[in-house]
Amino acid sequence: MKALSEMTGTELESLLAKLKEELEEAEEEKMYVLGQTGIHLPGATVRKYEAEISELKQRIAEVEEMLRAKKE
């Protein structure tokens, strides 16, 4: 994958849309899995979801920042 600085505005917008979709899916999956009653889940499962969501949010912020910089 190309570095963000090498991507065009269109490529960045496409990547941003993909990352937002992945974030939405990860949040939905987390709510589904953690929302089940009667099932004990290890703390590592919760941390896995939190780490994945946090990483996606960070990447989204980076792409949004690069898009802003390219538009200036």
PDB file of N, CA and C in Angstrom:
ATOM      1  N   MET A   1       0.837  -1.181   0.000  1.00  0.00           N
ATOM      2  CA  MET A   1       0.000   0.000   0.000  1.00  0.00           C
ATOM      3  C   MET A   1       0.881   1.243   0.000  1.00  0.00           C
ATOM      4  N   LYS A   2       0.457   2.232  -0.742  1.00  0.00           N
ATOM      5  CA  LYS A   2       1.211   3.484  -0.819  1.00  0.00           C
ATOM      6  C   LYS A   2       1.141   4.239   0.504  1.00  0.00           C
ATOM      7  N   ALA A   3       2.157   5.042   0.724  1.00  0.00           N
ATOM      8  CA  ALA A   3       2.138   5.926   1.882  1.00  0.00           C
ATOM      9  C   ALA A   3       1.057   6.982   1.656  1.00  0.00           C
ATOM     10  N   LEU A   4       0.467   7.461   2.732  1.00  0.00           N
ATOM     11  CA  LEU A   4      -0.607   8.448   2.616  1.00  0.00           C
ATOM     12  C   LEU A   4      -0.158   9.678   1.840  1.00  0.00           C
ATOM     13  N   SER A   5       1.077  10.089   2.044  1.00  0.00           N
ATOM     14  CA  SER A   5       1.575  11.297   1.372  1.00  0.00           C
ATOM     15  C   SER A   5       1.690  11.119  -0.140  1.00  0.00           C
ATOM     16  N   GLU A   6       1.751   9.877  -0.597  1.00  0.00           N
ATOM     17  CA  GLU A   6       1.864   9.611  -2.025  1.00  0.00           C
ATOM     18  C   GLU A   6       0.505   9.429  -2.704  1.00  0.00           C
ATOM     19  N   MET A   7      -0.555   9.355  -1.929  1.00  0.00           N
ATOM     20  CA  MET A   7      -1.890   9.116  -2.485  1.00  0.00           C
ATOM     21  C   MET A   7      -2.516  10.404  -2.995  1.00  0.00           C
ATOM     22  N   THR A   8      -3.358  10.257  -4.015  1.00  0.00           N
ATOM     23  CA  THR A   8      -4.111  11.401  -4.517  1.00  0.00           C
ATOM     24  C   THR A   8      -5.306  11.643  -3.607  1.00  0.00           C
ATOM     25  N   GLY A   9      -5.944  12.777  -3.792  1.00  0.00           N
ATOM     26  CA  GLY A   9      -7.130  13.090  -3.007  1.00  0.00           C
ATOM     27  C   GLY A   9      -8.217  12.047  -3.176  1.00  0.00           C
ATOM     28  N   THR A  10      -8.399  11.566  -4.398  1.00  0.00           N
ATOM     29  CA  THR A  10      -9.411  10.548  -4.668  1.00  0.00           C
ATOM     30  C   THR A  10      -9.086   9.245  -3.953  1.00  0.00           C
ATOM     31  N   GLU A  11      -7.813   8.858  -3.979  1.00  0.00           N
ATOM     32  CA  GLU A  11      -7.393   7.634  -3.288  1.00  0.00           C
ATOM     33  C   GLU A  11      -7.595   7.770  -1.781  1.00  0.00           C
ATOM     34  N   LEU A  12      -7.291   8.945  -1.246  1.00  0.00           N
ATOM     35  CA  LEU A  12      -7.472   9.173   0.183  1.00  0.00           C
ATOM     36  C   LEU A  12      -8.946   9.119   0.562  1.00  0.00           C
ATOM     37  N   GLU A  13      -9.800   9.710  -0.263  1.00  0.00           N
ATOM     38  CA  GLU A  13     -11.237   9.678   0.021  1.00  0.00           C
ATOM     39  C   GLU A  13     -11.770   8.253  -0.020  1.00  0.00           C
ATOM     40  N   SER A  14     -11.277   7.461  -0.953  1.00  0.00           N
ATOM     41  CA  SER A  14     -11.674   6.056  -1.056  1.00  0.00           C
ATOM     42  C   SER A  14     -11.209   5.277   0.174  1.00  0.00           C
ATOM     43  N   LEU A  15      -9.972   5.506   0.584  1.00  0.00           N
ATOM     44  CA  LEU A  15      -9.436   4.852   1.774  1.00  0.00           C
ATOM     45  C   LEU A  15     -10.221   5.267   3.013  1.00  0.00           C
ATOM     46  N   LEU A  16     -10.553   6.541   3.099  1.00  0.00           N
ATOM     47  CA  LEU A  16     -11.317   7.048   4.239  1.00  0.00           C
ATOM     48  C   LEU A  16     -12.675   6.363   4.325  1.00  0.00           C
ATOM     49  N   ALA A  17     -13.350   6.227   3.210  1.00  0.00           N
ATOM     50  CA  ALA A  17     -14.656   5.560   3.191  1.00  0.00           C
ATOM     51  C   ALA A  17     -14.517   4.104   3.635  1.00  0.00           C
ATOM     52  N   LYS A  18     -13.476   3.439   3.163  1.00  0.00           N
ATOM     53  CA  LYS A  18     -13.239   2.037   3.533  1.00  0.00           C
ATOM     54  C   LYS A  18     -12.977   1.916   5.031  1.00  0.00           C
ATOM     55  N   LEU A  19     -12.144   2.806   5.575  1.00  0.00           N
ATOM     56  CA  LEU A  19     -11.827   2.765   7.003  1.00  0.00           C
ATOM     57  C   LEU A  19     -13.062   3.034   7.857  1.00  0.00           C
ATOM     58  N   LYS A  20     -13.895   3.973   7.427  1.00  0.00           N
ATOM     59  CA  LYS A  20     -15.114   4.269   8.181  1.00  0.00           C
ATOM     60  C   LYS A  20     -16.062   3.081   8.166  1.00  0.00           C
ATOM     61  N   GLU A  21     -16.124   2.385   7.040  1.00  0.00           N
ATOM     62  CA  GLU A  21     -16.968   1.185   6.949  1.00  0.00           C
ATOM     63  C   GLU A  21     -16.429   0.092   7.872  1.00  0.00           C
ATOM     64  N   GLU A  22     -15.114  -0.090   7.876  1.00  0.00           N
ATOM     65  CA  GLU A  22     -14.497  -1.083   8.759  1.00  0.00           C
ATOM     66  C   GLU A  22     -14.761  -0.743  10.225  1.00  0.00           C
ATOM     67  N   LEU A  23     -14.688   0.549  10.569  1.00  0.00           N
ATOM     68  CA  LEU A  23     -14.941   0.984  11.936  1.00  0.00           C
ATOM     69  C   LEU A  23     -16.383   0.673  12.327  1.00  0.00           C
ATOM     70  N   GLU A  24     -17.308   0.987  11.454  1.00  0.00           N
ATOM     71  CA  GLU A  24     -18.717   0.717  11.732  1.00  0.00           C
ATOM     72  C   GLU A  24     -18.952  -0.778  11.952  1.00  0.00           C
ATOM     73  N   GLU A  25     -18.351  -1.605  11.100  1.00  0.00           N
ATOM     74  CA  GLU A  25     -18.498  -3.051  11.231  1.00  0.00           C
ATOM     75  C   GLU A  25     -17.889  -3.549  12.542  1.00  0.00           C
ATOM     76  N   ALA A  26     -16.728  -3.035  12.909  1.00  0.00           N
ATOM     77  CA  ALA A  26     -16.064  -3.454  14.146  1.00  0.00           C
ATOM     78  C   ALA A  26     -16.904  -3.063  15.360  1.00  0.00           C
ATOM     79  N   GLU A  27     -17.483  -1.867  15.328  1.00  0.00           N
ATOM     80  CA  GLU A  27     -18.315  -1.425  16.452  1.00  0.00           C
ATOM     81  C   GLU A  27     -19.587  -2.268  16.549  1.00  0.00           C
ATOM     82  N   GLU A  28     -20.190  -2.588  15.403  1.00  0.00           N
ATOM     83  CA  GLU A  28     -21.385  -3.428  15.406  1.00  0.00           C
ATOM     84  C   GLU A  28     -21.065  -4.823  15.931  1.00  0.00           C
ATOM     85  N   GLU A  29     -19.947  -5.383  15.481  1.00  0.00           N
ATOM     86  CA  GLU A  29     -19.549  -6.716  15.937  1.00  0.00           C
ATOM     87  C   GLU A  29     -19.290  -6.717  17.435  1.00  0.00           C
ATOM     88  N   LYS A  30     -18.617  -5.681  17.916  1.00  0.00           N
ATOM     89  CA  LYS A  30     -18.331  -5.576  19.351  1.00  0.00           C
ATOM     90  C   LYS A  30     -19.630  -5.539  20.140  1.00  0.00           C
ATOM     91  N   MET A  31     -20.575  -4.724  19.702  1.00  0.00           N
ATOM     92  CA  MET A  31     -21.846  -4.616  20.422  1.00  0.00           C
ATOM     93  C   MET A  31     -22.601  -5.945  20.393  1.00  0.00           C
ATOM     94  N   TYR A  32     -22.550  -6.635  19.270  1.00  0.00           N
ATOM     95  CA  TYR A  32     -23.237  -7.918  19.158  1.00  0.00           C
ATOM     96  C   TYR A  32     -22.613  -8.954  20.097  1.00  0.00           C
ATOM     97  N   VAL A  33     -21.295  -9.085  20.018  1.00  0.00           N
ATOM     98  CA  VAL A  33     -20.606 -10.095  20.814  1.00  0.00           C
ATOM     99  C   VAL A  33     -20.696  -9.784  22.303  1.00  0.00           C
ATOM    100  N   LEU A  34     -20.435  -8.539  22.657  1.00  0.00           N
ATOM    101  CA  LEU A  34     -20.421  -8.180  24.074  1.00  0.00           C
ATOM    102  C   LEU A  34     -21.832  -8.039  24.641  1.00  0.00           C
ATOM    103  N   GLY A  35     -22.813  -7.861  23.764  1.00  0.00           N
ATOM    104  CA  GLY A  35     -24.196  -7.688  24.216  1.00  0.00           C
ATOM    105  C   GLY A  35     -24.911  -8.986  24.509  1.00  0.00           C
ATOM    106  N   GLN A  36     -24.296 -10.103  24.179  1.00  0.00           N
ATOM    107  CA  GLN A  36     -24.933 -11.389  24.445  1.00  0.00           C
ATOM    108  C   GLN A  36     -24.904 -11.676  25.933  1.00  0.00           C
ATOM    109  N   THR A  37     -26.058 -12.003  26.461  1.00  0.00           N
ATOM    110  CA  THR A  37     -26.124 -12.314  27.882  1.00  0.00           C
ATOM    111  C   THR A  37     -25.872 -13.795  28.088  1.00  0.00           C
ATOM    112  N   GLY A  38     -25.357 -14.108  29.221  1.00  0.00           N
ATOM    113  CA  GLY A  38     -25.130 -15.503  29.562  1.00  0.00           C
ATOM    114  C   GLY A  38     -23.848 -16.087  29.017  1.00  0.00           C
ATOM    115  N   ILE A  39     -23.068 -15.286  28.334  1.00  0.00           N
ATOM    116  CA  ILE A  39     -21.799 -15.781  27.796  1.00  0.00           C
ATOM    117  C   ILE A  39     -20.669 -14.993  28.449  1.00  0.00           C
ATOM    118  N   HIS A  40     -19.771 -15.717  29.069  1.00  0.00           N
ATOM    119  CA  HIS A  40     -18.614 -15.048  29.668  1.00  0.00           C
ATOM    120  C   HIS A  40     -17.523 -14.908  28.616  1.00  0.00           C
ATOM    121  N   LEU A  41     -17.046 -13.698  28.469  1.00  0.00           N
ATOM    122  CA  LEU A  41     -15.956 -13.444  27.529  1.00  0.00           C
ATOM    123  C   LEU A  41     -14.731 -12.989  28.308  1.00  0.00           C
ATOM    124  N   PRO A  42     -13.574 -13.481  27.946  1.00  0.00           N
ATOM    125  CA  PRO A  42     -12.356 -13.048  28.638  1.00  0.00           C
ATOM    126  C   PRO A  42     -12.078 -11.566  28.361  1.00  0.00           C
ATOM    127  N   GLY A  43     -11.387 -10.948  29.296  1.00  0.00           N
ATOM    128  CA  GLY A  43     -11.045  -9.530  29.143  1.00  0.00           C
ATOM    129  C   GLY A  43     -10.243  -9.262  27.884  1.00  0.00           C
ATOM    130  N   ALA A  44      -9.499 -10.252  27.415  1.00  0.00           N
ATOM    131  CA  ALA A  44      -8.698 -10.076  26.203  1.00  0.00           C
ATOM    132  C   ALA A  44      -9.590  -9.804  24.994  1.00  0.00           C
ATOM    133  N   THR A  45     -10.781 -10.376  24.990  1.00  0.00           N
ATOM    134  CA  THR A  45     -11.709 -10.156  23.881  1.00  0.00           C
ATOM    135  C   THR A  45     -12.140  -8.705  23.836  1.00  0.00           C
ATOM    136  N   VAL A  46     -12.464  -8.156  24.987  1.00  0.00           N
ATOM    137  CA  VAL A  46     -12.861  -6.751  25.067  1.00  0.00           C
ATOM    138  C   VAL A  46     -11.708  -5.862  24.627  1.00  0.00           C
ATOM    139  N   ARG A  47     -10.519  -6.143  25.113  1.00  0.00           N
ATOM    140  CA  ARG A  47      -9.345  -5.338  24.753  1.00  0.00           C
ATOM    141  C   ARG A  47      -9.041  -5.442  23.258  1.00  0.00           C
ATOM    142  N   LYS A  48      -9.280  -6.611  22.673  1.00  0.00           N
ATOM    143  CA  LYS A  48      -9.049  -6.791  21.236  1.00  0.00           C
ATOM    144  C   LYS A  48      -9.947  -5.850  20.441  1.00  0.00           C
ATOM    145  N   TYR A  49     -11.218  -5.824  20.797  1.00  0.00           N
ATOM    146  CA  TYR A  49     -12.150  -4.924  20.102  1.00  0.00           C
ATOM    147  C   TYR A  49     -11.766  -3.462  20.316  1.00  0.00           C
ATOM    148  N   GLU A  50     -11.426  -3.107  21.537  1.00  0.00           N
ATOM    149  CA  GLU A  50     -11.047  -1.727  21.832  1.00  0.00           C
ATOM    150  C   GLU A  50      -9.803  -1.319  21.059  1.00  0.00           C
ATOM    151  N   ALA A  51      -8.820  -2.218  20.969  1.00  0.00           N
ATOM    152  CA  ALA A  51      -7.583  -1.912  20.235  1.00  0.00           C
ATOM    153  C   ALA A  51      -7.875  -1.748  18.751  1.00  0.00           C
ATOM    154  N   GLU A  52      -8.705  -2.631  18.206  1.00  0.00           N
ATOM    155  CA  GLU A  52      -9.044  -2.553  16.781  1.00  0.00           C
ATOM    156  C   GLU A  52      -9.774  -1.248  16.464  1.00  0.00           C
ATOM    157  N   ILE A  53     -10.736  -0.898  17.297  1.00  0.00           N
ATOM    158  CA  ILE A  53     -11.510   0.330  17.091  1.00  0.00           C
ATOM    159  C   ILE A  53     -10.618   1.560  17.246  1.00  0.00           C
ATOM    160  N   SER A  54      -9.760   1.540  18.243  1.00  0.00           N
ATOM    161  CA  SER A  54      -8.842   2.661  18.467  1.00  0.00           C
ATOM    162  C   SER A  54      -7.903   2.844  17.277  1.00  0.00           C
ATOM    163  N   GLU A  55      -7.379   1.741  16.749  1.00  0.00           N
ATOM    164  CA  GLU A  55      -6.472   1.814  15.597  1.00  0.00           C
ATOM    165  C   GLU A  55      -7.201   2.372  14.374  1.00  0.00           C
ATOM    166  N   LEU A  56      -8.418   1.919  14.144  1.00  0.00           N
ATOM    167  CA  LEU A  56      -9.188   2.420  13.002  1.00  0.00           C
ATOM    168  C   LEU A  56      -9.458   3.917  13.143  1.00  0.00           C
ATOM    169  N   LYS A  57      -9.814   4.358  14.342  1.00  0.00           N
ATOM    170  CA  LYS A  57     -10.070   5.788  14.568  1.00  0.00           C
ATOM    171  C   LYS A  57      -8.811   6.610  14.328  1.00  0.00           C
ATOM    172  N   GLN A  58      -7.668   6.071  14.748  1.00  0.00           N
ATOM    173  CA  GLN A  58      -6.397   6.781  14.539  1.00  0.00           C
ATOM    174  C   GLN A  58      -6.084   6.881  13.048  1.00  0.00           C
ATOM    175  N   ARG A  59      -6.274   5.791  12.315  1.00  0.00           N
ATOM    176  CA  ARG A  59      -6.010   5.814  10.871  1.00  0.00           C
ATOM    177  C   ARG A  59      -6.965   6.766  10.158  1.00  0.00           C
ATOM    178  N   ILE A  60      -8.226   6.806  10.591  1.00  0.00           N
ATOM    179  CA  ILE A  60      -9.198   7.732   9.997  1.00  0.00           C
ATOM    180  C   ILE A  60      -8.733   9.168  10.219  1.00  0.00           C
ATOM    181  N   ALA A  61      -8.289   9.472  11.413  1.00  0.00           N
ATOM    182  CA  ALA A  61      -7.807  10.823  11.717  1.00  0.00           C
ATOM    183  C   ALA A  61      -6.600  11.184  10.842  1.00  0.00           C
ATOM    184  N   GLU A  62      -5.701  10.231  10.640  1.00  0.00           N
ATOM    185  CA  GLU A  62      -4.523  10.487   9.806  1.00  0.00           C
ATOM    186  C   GLU A  62      -4.928  10.773   8.358  1.00  0.00           C
ATOM    187  N   VAL A  63      -5.854   9.985   7.840  1.00  0.00           N
ATOM    188  CA  VAL A  63      -6.302  10.182   6.460  1.00  0.00           C
ATOM    189  C   VAL A  63      -7.035  11.512   6.329  1.00  0.00           C
ATOM    190  N   GLU A  64      -7.874  11.849   7.305  1.00  0.00           N
ATOM    191  CA  GLU A  64      -8.584  13.136   7.256  1.00  0.00           C
ATOM    192  C   GLU A  64      -7.608  14.296   7.296  1.00  0.00           C
ATOM    193  N   GLU A  65      -6.562  14.173   8.098  1.00  0.00           N
ATOM    194  CA  GLU A  65      -5.548  15.226   8.181  1.00  0.00           C
ATOM    195  C   GLU A  65      -4.819  15.373   6.844  1.00  0.00           C
ATOM    196  N   MET A  66      -4.480  14.258   6.235  1.00  0.00           N
ATOM    197  CA  MET A  66      -3.794  14.308   4.939  1.00  0.00           C
ATOM    198  C   MET A  66      -4.710  14.900   3.868  1.00  0.00           C
ATOM    199  N   LEU A  67      -5.993  14.575   3.908  1.00  0.00           N
ATOM    200  CA  LEU A  67      -6.944  15.161   2.952  1.00  0.00           C
ATOM    201  C   LEU A  67      -7.019  16.667   3.125  1.00  0.00           C
ATOM    202  N   ARG A  68      -7.067  17.122   4.380  1.00  0.00           N
ATOM    203  CA  ARG A  68      -7.091  18.572   4.637  1.00  0.00           C
ATOM    204  C   ARG A  68      -5.840  19.232   4.078  1.00  0.00           C
ATOM    205  N   ALA A  69      -4.698  18.609   4.292  1.00  0.00           N
ATOM    206  CA  ALA A  69      -3.431  19.170   3.821  1.00  0.00           C
ATOM    207  C   ALA A  69      -3.390  19.230   2.291  1.00  0.00           C
ATOM    208  N   LYS A  70      -3.934  18.224   1.635  1.00  0.00           N
ATOM    209  CA  LYS A  70      -3.936  18.201   0.175  1.00  0.00           C
ATOM    210  C   LYS A  70      -4.875  19.252  -0.409  1.00  0.00           C
ATOM    211  N   LYS A  71      -5.925  19.598   0.322  1.00  0.00           N
ATOM    212  CA  LYS A  71      -6.904  20.569  -0.178  1.00  0.00           C
ATOM    213  C   LYS A  71      -6.417  22.009   0.006  1.00  0.00           C
ATOM    214  N   GLU A  72      -5.420  22.190   0.844  1.00  0.00           N
ATOM    215  CA  GLU A  72      -4.900  23.556   1.091  1.00  0.00           C
ATOM    216  C   GLU A  72      -3.965  24.005   0.015  1.00  0.00           C
TER     217      GLU A  72
END
